[in-house]
Amino acid sequence: MGKFTKNDIEYFGESNGVHKWESPTGQPYYWHPDWLHVAEDETGLHSKQTLDISNSEEATKEHAASAILKHINDWAKNKFDNNPDIETQAIESEHDLKGFDD
């Protein structure tokens, strides 16, 4: 499985300073310039991932998107690490659906 990239998350714009993205599975992520994390809700109270910035940097929308991608990729890696047969089963299911014979 390849890593998720910025092309895999959809940006929905900004409302009242809060920016919104959505993952391929529909999980929303929110960020406000005053937050040093991305959150799963518009209030920012349910933090999902800390932004990776130094003390001298100002948080940007790009930092937030990177944090979202890190969260999604870490989640996917954990799922695959804990269930190593998922990818094999997915490939086998795809072959069955397409009618491939092994």
N, C-alpha and C. Protein backbone atom coordinates (compact mmCIF):
# COMPACT_ATOMS: atom_id res chain seq x y z
N MET A 1 0.83 -1.18 0.00
CA MET A 1 0.00 0.00 0.00
C MET A 1 0.88 1.24 0.00
N GLY A 2 0.54 2.19 -0.84
CA GLY A 2 1.27 3.44 -0.87
C GLY A 2 0.78 4.39 0.21
N LYS A 3 1.58 5.40 0.48
CA LYS A 3 1.19 6.40 1.48
C LYS A 3 0.17 7.35 0.89
N PHE A 4 -0.65 7.88 1.78
CA PHE A 4 -1.59 8.91 1.36
C PHE A 4 -0.80 10.20 1.12
N THR A 5 -1.23 10.98 0.14
CA THR A 5 -0.59 12.25 -0.20
C THR A 5 -1.61 13.37 -0.12
N LYS A 6 -1.15 14.59 -0.35
CA LYS A 6 -2.06 15.74 -0.28
C LYS A 6 -3.20 15.63 -1.29
N ASN A 7 -3.01 14.83 -2.35
CA ASN A 7 -4.07 14.63 -3.33
C ASN A 7 -5.19 13.74 -2.79
N ASP A 8 -4.94 13.06 -1.67
CA ASP A 8 -5.91 12.15 -1.10
C ASP A 8 -6.82 12.79 -0.06
N ILE A 9 -6.51 14.01 0.35
CA ILE A 9 -7.39 14.71 1.29
C ILE A 9 -8.02 15.88 0.57
N GLU A 10 -9.30 16.08 0.83
CA GLU A 10 -10.03 17.14 0.15
C GLU A 10 -10.17 18.35 1.08
N TYR A 11 -9.79 19.50 0.58
CA TYR A 11 -9.88 20.74 1.34
C TYR A 11 -11.23 21.39 1.05
N PHE A 12 -11.95 21.75 2.11
CA PHE A 12 -13.28 22.35 1.96
C PHE A 12 -13.33 23.83 2.26
N GLY A 13 -12.16 24.43 2.49
CA GLY A 13 -12.12 25.87 2.70
C GLY A 13 -12.13 26.26 4.16
N GLU A 14 -12.40 27.54 4.37
CA GLU A 14 -12.29 28.14 5.70
C GLU A 14 -13.59 28.85 6.04
N SER A 15 -14.01 28.70 7.29
CA SER A 15 -15.20 29.38 7.78
C SER A 15 -14.91 29.87 9.19
N ASN A 16 -15.01 31.19 9.39
CA ASN A 16 -14.72 31.81 10.69
C ASN A 16 -13.33 31.45 11.19
N GLY A 17 -12.38 31.34 10.27
CA GLY A 17 -11.00 31.06 10.63
C GLY A 17 -10.66 29.58 10.74
N VAL A 18 -11.68 28.71 10.74
CA VAL A 18 -11.46 27.27 10.85
C VAL A 18 -11.42 26.65 9.46
N HIS A 19 -10.32 25.95 9.17
CA HIS A 19 -10.14 25.27 7.89
C HIS A 19 -10.59 23.82 8.03
N LYS A 20 -11.17 23.25 6.96
CA LYS A 20 -11.67 21.88 7.02
C LYS A 20 -11.11 21.06 5.86
N TRP A 21 -10.69 19.82 6.20
CA TRP A 21 -10.30 18.82 5.22
C TRP A 21 -11.10 17.56 5.51
N GLU A 22 -11.13 16.67 4.53
CA GLU A 22 -11.77 15.38 4.75
C GLU A 22 -10.89 14.29 4.18
N SER A 23 -10.76 13.19 4.94
CA SER A 23 -9.95 12.06 4.51
C SER A 23 -10.73 11.24 3.48
N PRO A 24 -10.07 10.29 2.80
CA PRO A 24 -10.77 9.44 1.84
C PRO A 24 -11.91 8.64 2.47
N THR A 25 -11.85 8.38 3.77
CA THR A 25 -12.92 7.63 4.45
C THR A 25 -14.03 8.54 4.96
N GLY A 26 -13.89 9.85 4.78
CA GLY A 26 -14.92 10.79 5.23
C GLY A 26 -14.66 11.40 6.59
N GLN A 27 -13.53 11.06 7.22
CA GLN A 27 -13.18 11.64 8.53
C GLN A 27 -12.84 13.11 8.35
N PRO A 28 -13.56 14.01 9.02
CA PRO A 28 -13.23 15.43 8.91
C PRO A 28 -12.06 15.80 9.82
N TYR A 29 -11.28 16.77 9.39
CA TYR A 29 -10.19 17.34 10.17
C TYR A 29 -10.32 18.86 10.10
N TYR A 30 -10.08 19.51 11.23
CA TYR A 30 -10.22 20.95 11.31
C TYR A 30 -8.93 21.56 11.86
N TRP A 31 -8.69 22.82 11.45
CA TRP A 31 -7.53 23.54 11.97
C TRP A 31 -7.83 25.03 11.95
N HIS A 32 -7.38 25.72 13.00
CA HIS A 32 -7.47 27.17 13.10
C HIS A 32 -6.05 27.69 13.33
N PRO A 33 -5.68 28.83 12.78
CA PRO A 33 -4.32 29.34 12.96
C PRO A 33 -3.86 29.48 14.41
N ASP A 34 -4.79 29.53 15.35
CA ASP A 34 -4.41 29.61 16.76
C ASP A 34 -4.12 28.24 17.38
N TRP A 35 -4.45 27.17 16.67
CA TRP A 35 -4.25 25.82 17.20
C TRP A 35 -2.90 25.28 16.75
N LEU A 36 -2.26 24.52 17.60
CA LEU A 36 -1.01 23.85 17.24
C LEU A 36 -1.26 22.36 16.98
N HIS A 37 -2.49 22.07 16.55
CA HIS A 37 -2.87 20.70 16.23
C HIS A 37 -4.01 20.75 15.21
N VAL A 38 -4.29 19.59 14.60
CA VAL A 38 -5.52 19.42 13.83
C VAL A 38 -6.48 18.66 14.73
N ALA A 39 -7.77 18.89 14.54
CA ALA A 39 -8.78 18.32 15.42
C ALA A 39 -9.85 17.60 14.61
N GLU A 40 -10.65 16.80 15.31
CA GLU A 40 -11.74 16.09 14.66
C GLU A 40 -13.06 16.87 14.75
N ASP A 41 -13.03 18.03 15.39
CA ASP A 41 -14.23 18.85 15.50
C ASP A 41 -13.88 20.32 15.33
N GLU A 42 -14.89 21.11 15.01
CA GLU A 42 -14.67 22.53 14.72
C GLU A 42 -14.22 23.36 15.92
N THR A 43 -14.44 22.85 17.11
CA THR A 43 -14.04 23.61 18.30
C THR A 43 -12.55 23.44 18.58
N GLY A 44 -11.95 22.40 18.04
CA GLY A 44 -10.53 22.13 18.28
C GLY A 44 -10.27 21.41 19.58
N LEU A 45 -11.33 21.05 20.32
CA LEU A 45 -11.15 20.42 21.62
C LEU A 45 -10.72 18.96 21.52
N HIS A 46 -11.05 18.29 20.43
CA HIS A 46 -10.70 16.89 20.25
C HIS A 46 -9.51 16.79 19.29
N SER A 47 -8.34 16.96 19.86
CA SER A 47 -7.10 16.97 19.08
C SER A 47 -6.84 15.62 18.45
N LYS A 48 -6.38 15.61 17.20
CA LYS A 48 -6.03 14.38 16.49
C LYS A 48 -4.53 14.26 16.28
N GLN A 49 -3.86 15.36 15.96
CA GLN A 49 -2.44 15.30 15.62
C GLN A 49 -1.82 16.66 15.87
N THR A 50 -0.67 16.66 16.52
CA THR A 50 0.07 17.90 16.76
C THR A 50 0.75 18.34 15.46
N LEU A 51 0.80 19.64 15.23
CA LEU A 51 1.52 20.17 14.08
C LEU A 51 3.02 20.08 14.34
N ASP A 52 3.76 19.76 13.32
CA ASP A 52 5.22 19.64 13.43
C ASP A 52 5.85 20.97 13.01
N ILE A 53 6.01 21.86 14.00
CA ILE A 53 6.62 23.17 13.72
C ILE A 53 7.60 23.51 14.84
N SER A 54 8.58 24.33 14.51
CA SER A 54 9.52 24.77 15.54
C SER A 54 8.94 25.98 16.26
N ASN A 55 9.55 26.35 17.37
CA ASN A 55 9.06 27.48 18.16
C ASN A 55 9.11 28.79 17.39
N SER A 56 10.01 28.90 16.42
CA SER A 56 10.16 30.16 15.68
C SER A 56 9.22 30.23 14.47
N GLU A 57 8.57 29.13 14.14
CA GLU A 57 7.67 29.10 12.98
C GLU A 57 6.25 29.47 13.37
N GLU A 58 5.54 30.04 12.41
CA GLU A 58 4.12 30.29 12.58
C GLU A 58 3.37 29.17 11.86
N ALA A 59 2.36 28.62 12.52
CA ALA A 59 1.58 27.52 11.94
C ALA A 59 0.86 27.99 10.68
N THR A 60 0.86 27.13 9.66
CA THR A 60 0.21 27.45 8.39
C THR A 60 -0.75 26.32 8.00
N LYS A 61 -1.54 26.61 6.99
CA LYS A 61 -2.46 25.62 6.44
C LYS A 61 -1.69 24.39 5.95
N GLU A 62 -0.49 24.60 5.40
CA GLU A 62 0.33 23.49 4.91
C GLU A 62 0.81 22.60 6.07
N HIS A 63 1.15 23.21 7.21
CA HIS A 63 1.50 22.43 8.39
C HIS A 63 0.31 21.55 8.82
N ALA A 64 -0.88 22.13 8.77
CA ALA A 64 -2.08 21.39 9.15
C ALA A 64 -2.31 20.21 8.21
N ALA A 65 -2.18 20.45 6.90
CA ALA A 65 -2.37 19.36 5.93
C ALA A 65 -1.34 18.26 6.15
N SER A 66 -0.10 18.62 6.45
CA SER A 66 0.94 17.62 6.74
C SER A 66 0.59 16.81 7.98
N ALA A 67 0.05 17.47 9.00
CA ALA A 67 -0.35 16.77 10.23
C ALA A 67 -1.48 15.79 9.95
N ILE A 68 -2.42 16.19 9.10
CA ILE A 68 -3.52 15.30 8.72
C ILE A 68 -2.97 14.07 8.01
N LEU A 69 -2.09 14.28 7.05
CA LEU A 69 -1.51 13.15 6.32
C LEU A 69 -0.72 12.23 7.25
N LYS A 70 0.01 12.81 8.19
CA LYS A 70 0.75 11.98 9.15
C LYS A 70 -0.22 11.14 9.96
N HIS A 71 -1.30 11.74 10.42
CA HIS A 71 -2.29 11.01 11.20
C HIS A 71 -2.90 9.86 10.38
N ILE A 72 -3.30 10.13 9.15
CA ILE A 72 -3.91 9.10 8.31
C ILE A 72 -2.92 7.98 8.01
N ASN A 73 -1.69 8.34 7.65
CA ASN A 73 -0.68 7.33 7.32
C ASN A 73 -0.28 6.51 8.54
N ASP A 74 -0.16 7.15 9.70
CA ASP A 74 0.15 6.40 10.93
C ASP A 74 -0.99 5.44 11.27
N TRP A 75 -2.21 5.89 11.11
CA TRP A 75 -3.38 5.04 11.38
C TRP A 75 -3.38 3.83 10.44
N ALA A 76 -3.17 4.07 9.15
CA ALA A 76 -3.16 2.97 8.17
C ALA A 76 -2.03 1.99 8.46
N LYS A 77 -0.84 2.50 8.77
CA LYS A 77 0.30 1.63 9.07
C LYS A 77 -0.01 0.76 10.27
N ASN A 78 -0.60 1.36 11.29
CA ASN A 78 -0.94 0.60 12.49
C ASN A 78 -1.94 -0.51 12.17
N LYS A 79 -2.93 -0.20 11.34
CA LYS A 79 -3.93 -1.21 10.96
C LYS A 79 -3.28 -2.36 10.21
N PHE A 80 -2.40 -2.04 9.26
CA PHE A 80 -1.72 -3.09 8.50
C PHE A 80 -0.76 -3.88 9.38
N ASP A 81 -0.06 -3.21 10.28
CA ASP A 81 0.86 -3.91 11.18
C ASP A 81 0.12 -4.89 12.09
N ASN A 82 -1.07 -4.50 12.52
CA ASN A 82 -1.86 -5.34 13.42
C ASN A 82 -2.69 -6.39 12.69
N ASN A 83 -2.84 -6.23 11.37
CA ASN A 83 -3.62 -7.16 10.55
C ASN A 83 -2.90 -7.41 9.23
N PRO A 84 -1.76 -8.12 9.27
CA PRO A 84 -0.92 -8.25 8.07
C PRO A 84 -1.59 -8.94 6.89
N ASP A 85 -2.66 -9.67 7.12
CA ASP A 85 -3.32 -10.37 6.02
C ASP A 85 -4.34 -9.51 5.27
N ILE A 86 -4.58 -8.28 5.72
CA ILE A 86 -5.57 -7.40 5.07
C ILE A 86 -5.24 -7.18 3.60
N GLU A 87 -4.00 -6.83 3.30
CA GLU A 87 -3.63 -6.53 1.92
C GLU A 87 -3.77 -7.77 1.04
N THR A 88 -3.34 -8.92 1.54
CA THR A 88 -3.47 -10.17 0.78
C THR A 88 -4.94 -10.47 0.51
N GLN A 89 -5.77 -10.32 1.53
CA GLN A 89 -7.20 -10.57 1.36
C GLN A 89 -7.82 -9.60 0.36
N ALA A 90 -7.40 -8.36 0.39
CA ALA A 90 -7.92 -7.36 -0.55
C ALA A 90 -7.55 -7.72 -1.98
N ILE A 91 -6.31 -8.14 -2.20
CA ILE A 91 -5.86 -8.53 -3.54
C ILE A 91 -6.63 -9.75 -4.02
N GLU A 92 -6.79 -10.74 -3.15
CA GLU A 92 -7.53 -11.94 -3.50
C GLU A 92 -8.99 -11.61 -3.83
N SER A 93 -9.60 -10.74 -3.05
CA SER A 93 -10.98 -10.33 -3.30
C SER A 93 -11.11 -9.61 -4.64
N GLU A 94 -10.13 -8.75 -4.95
CA GLU A 94 -10.14 -8.04 -6.23
C GLU A 94 -10.04 -9.03 -7.39
N HIS A 95 -9.17 -10.03 -7.26
CA HIS A 95 -9.02 -11.05 -8.30
C HIS A 95 -10.32 -11.84 -8.46
N ASP A 96 -10.97 -12.19 -7.33
CA ASP A 96 -12.24 -12.90 -7.39
C ASP A 96 -13.31 -12.08 -8.12
N LEU A 97 -13.36 -10.78 -7.82
CA LEU A 97 -14.34 -9.91 -8.45
C LEU A 97 -14.10 -9.77 -9.95
N LYS A 98 -12.85 -9.76 -10.35
CA LYS A 98 -12.50 -9.59 -11.76
C LYS A 98 -12.47 -10.92 -12.50
N GLY A 99 -12.62 -12.02 -11.76
CA GLY A 99 -12.65 -13.33 -12.39
C GLY A 99 -11.28 -13.86 -12.79
N PHE A 100 -10.21 -13.39 -12.13
CA PHE A 100 -8.87 -13.91 -12.40
C PHE A 100 -8.73 -15.30 -11.81
N ASP A 101 -8.03 -16.16 -12.53
CA ASP A 101 -7.69 -17.48 -12.00
C ASP A 101 -6.24 -17.50 -11.64
N ASP A 102 -5.93 -18.05 -10.46
CA ASP A 102 -4.52 -18.15 -10.02
C ASP A 102 -3.89 -19.41 -10.54
